[in-house]
Amino acid sequence: LDGRPASAALERVNALARAAPPAPRATRGTDGTLARALHADPGCGELLAAVARDAVELLTDPVARSCLRRCEGDSCPIIYLDTSRGRRRRWCSSEVCGNRERVARHRRRAALARA
């Protein structure tokens, strides 16, 4: 997030991105419209290449990179792409980390009310 990825990690992403991604092809649907499909079932290397190419796109786009956030959840290591309207998202998942924070806040308020 500080704009300086670890050189070993960057080298690994670049190496994975060099491989050929899964090949697309055009197919006809039953109604005659064209649809996109994969030429064959992709292998692990091809799937990793597709993910690595997406990572290169994300890391080299200053606008997209500015939307990367670190989850504010206690001990959560996840970095996510904040696409919320006001760019005010705080957690990787409102259902998991956000819920934990809300429960902890409620327990703190309840403890103060009992004291």
Protein backbone atom coordinates (compact mmCIF):
# COMPACT_ATOMS: atom_id res chain seq x y z
CA LEU A 1 0.00 0.00 0.00
CA ASP A 2 2.95 2.33 0.41
CA GLY A 3 3.69 2.01 -3.32
CA ARG A 4 6.77 -0.15 -2.84
CA PRO A 5 5.95 -3.84 -3.28
CA ALA A 6 8.59 -6.27 -2.09
CA SER A 7 10.97 -6.90 -4.98
CA ALA A 8 10.74 -10.70 -4.60
CA ALA A 9 6.94 -10.55 -4.70
CA LEU A 10 7.02 -8.22 -7.70
CA GLU A 11 9.42 -10.55 -9.53
CA ARG A 12 7.11 -13.50 -8.79
CA VAL A 13 4.04 -11.67 -10.13
CA ASN A 14 5.94 -10.65 -13.27
CA ALA A 15 7.18 -14.21 -13.81
CA LEU A 16 3.67 -15.63 -13.46
CA ALA A 17 2.22 -12.97 -15.79
CA ARG A 18 4.60 -14.03 -18.61
CA ALA A 19 2.80 -17.34 -19.12
CA ALA A 20 -0.04 -17.52 -21.60
CA PRO A 21 -3.48 -16.99 -20.06
CA PRO A 22 -6.42 -19.27 -20.94
CA ALA A 23 -7.30 -18.84 -24.62
CA PRO A 24 -10.81 -17.51 -25.31
CA ARG A 25 -12.91 -18.44 -28.32
CA ALA A 26 -16.23 -17.35 -29.74
CA THR A 27 -19.05 -19.89 -29.70
CA ARG A 28 -22.63 -19.77 -30.89
CA GLY A 29 -25.36 -20.10 -28.32
CA THR A 30 -28.56 -22.03 -28.94
CA ASP A 31 -30.24 -18.78 -29.95
CA GLY A 32 -27.46 -17.96 -32.46
CA THR A 33 -25.80 -15.19 -30.45
CA LEU A 34 -22.06 -15.21 -29.94
CA ALA A 35 -20.66 -15.95 -26.52
CA ARG A 36 -17.16 -16.18 -25.11
CA ALA A 37 -15.83 -19.50 -23.81
CA LEU A 38 -12.44 -20.96 -23.02
CA HIS A 39 -10.80 -23.05 -25.74
CA ALA A 40 -9.98 -25.80 -23.24
CA ASP A 41 -10.00 -26.33 -19.50
CA PRO A 42 -7.17 -24.14 -18.18
CA GLY A 43 -4.32 -25.55 -16.15
CA CYS A 44 -2.99 -24.10 -12.92
CA GLY A 45 -0.26 -22.10 -14.71
CA GLU A 46 -2.76 -20.52 -17.09
CA LEU A 47 -5.05 -19.53 -14.22
CA LEU A 48 -2.14 -18.05 -12.26
CA ALA A 49 -1.10 -16.12 -15.38
CA ALA A 50 -4.57 -14.57 -15.63
CA VAL A 51 -4.53 -13.56 -11.96
CA ALA A 52 -0.97 -12.21 -12.21
CA ARG A 53 -1.87 -10.12 -15.28
CA ASP A 54 -4.81 -8.66 -13.37
CA ALA A 55 -2.43 -7.86 -10.49
CA VAL A 56 -0.05 -6.09 -12.90
CA GLU A 57 -2.96 -4.06 -14.28
CA LEU A 58 -4.07 -3.11 -10.76
CA LEU A 59 -0.60 -2.24 -9.48
CA THR A 60 0.30 -0.10 -12.50
CA ASP A 61 -2.97 1.87 -12.61
CA PRO A 62 -2.62 4.82 -10.20
CA VAL A 63 -6.39 5.35 -9.91
CA ALA A 64 -7.12 1.70 -9.12
CA ARG A 65 -4.10 1.44 -6.82
CA SER A 66 -5.36 4.43 -4.82
CA CYS A 67 -8.46 2.36 -3.98
CA LEU A 68 -6.45 -0.36 -2.21
CA ARG A 69 -7.16 -0.44 1.53
CA ARG A 70 -5.98 -2.48 4.50
CA CYS A 71 -8.81 -4.01 6.54
CA GLU A 72 -9.32 -2.25 9.89
CA GLY A 73 -10.41 -5.49 11.54
CA ASP A 74 -8.36 -6.66 14.49
CA SER A 75 -5.57 -8.94 13.23
CA CYS A 76 -7.03 -9.10 9.71
CA PRO A 77 -4.24 -9.16 7.08
CA ILE A 78 -6.49 -8.65 4.04
CA ILE A 79 -5.99 -5.84 1.54
CA TYR A 80 -9.05 -5.09 -0.58
CA LEU A 81 -10.14 -2.80 -3.40
CA ASP A 82 -12.53 -0.15 -2.07
CA THR A 83 -15.15 0.42 -4.76
CA SER A 84 -17.75 1.88 -2.40
CA ARG A 85 -19.47 5.10 -3.44
CA GLY A 86 -17.75 7.42 -0.95
CA ARG A 87 -14.55 5.35 -0.65
CA ARG A 88 -15.29 5.00 3.07
CA ARG A 89 -15.29 1.22 3.40
CA ARG A 90 -13.36 0.10 6.48
CA TRP A 91 -13.41 -3.70 6.40
CA CYS A 92 -12.70 -6.45 3.91
CA SER A 93 -16.09 -7.91 4.76
CA SER A 94 -18.92 -6.22 6.61
CA GLU A 95 -20.30 -9.65 7.49
CA VAL A 96 -17.07 -10.84 9.14
CA CYS A 97 -14.67 -8.10 10.24
CA GLY A 98 -17.33 -5.39 10.34
CA ASN A 99 -19.64 -7.55 12.42
CA ARG A 100 -16.82 -8.36 14.87
CA GLU A 101 -16.15 -4.65 15.32
CA ARG A 102 -19.84 -3.84 15.85
CA VAL A 103 -20.19 -6.67 18.41
CA ALA A 104 -17.07 -5.48 20.26
CA ARG A 105 -18.39 -1.89 20.28
CA HIS A 106 -21.74 -3.11 21.64
CA ARG A 107 -20.02 -5.11 24.39
CA ARG A 108 -17.92 -2.09 25.38
CA ARG A 109 -21.04 0.09 25.63
CA ALA A 110 -22.88 -2.59 27.61
CA ALA A 111 -19.95 -2.94 30.02
CA LEU A 112 -19.83 0.83 30.56
CA ALA A 113 -23.59 0.91 31.19
CA ARG A 114 -23.26 -1.81 33.85
CA ALA A 115 -20.41 -0.01 35.64
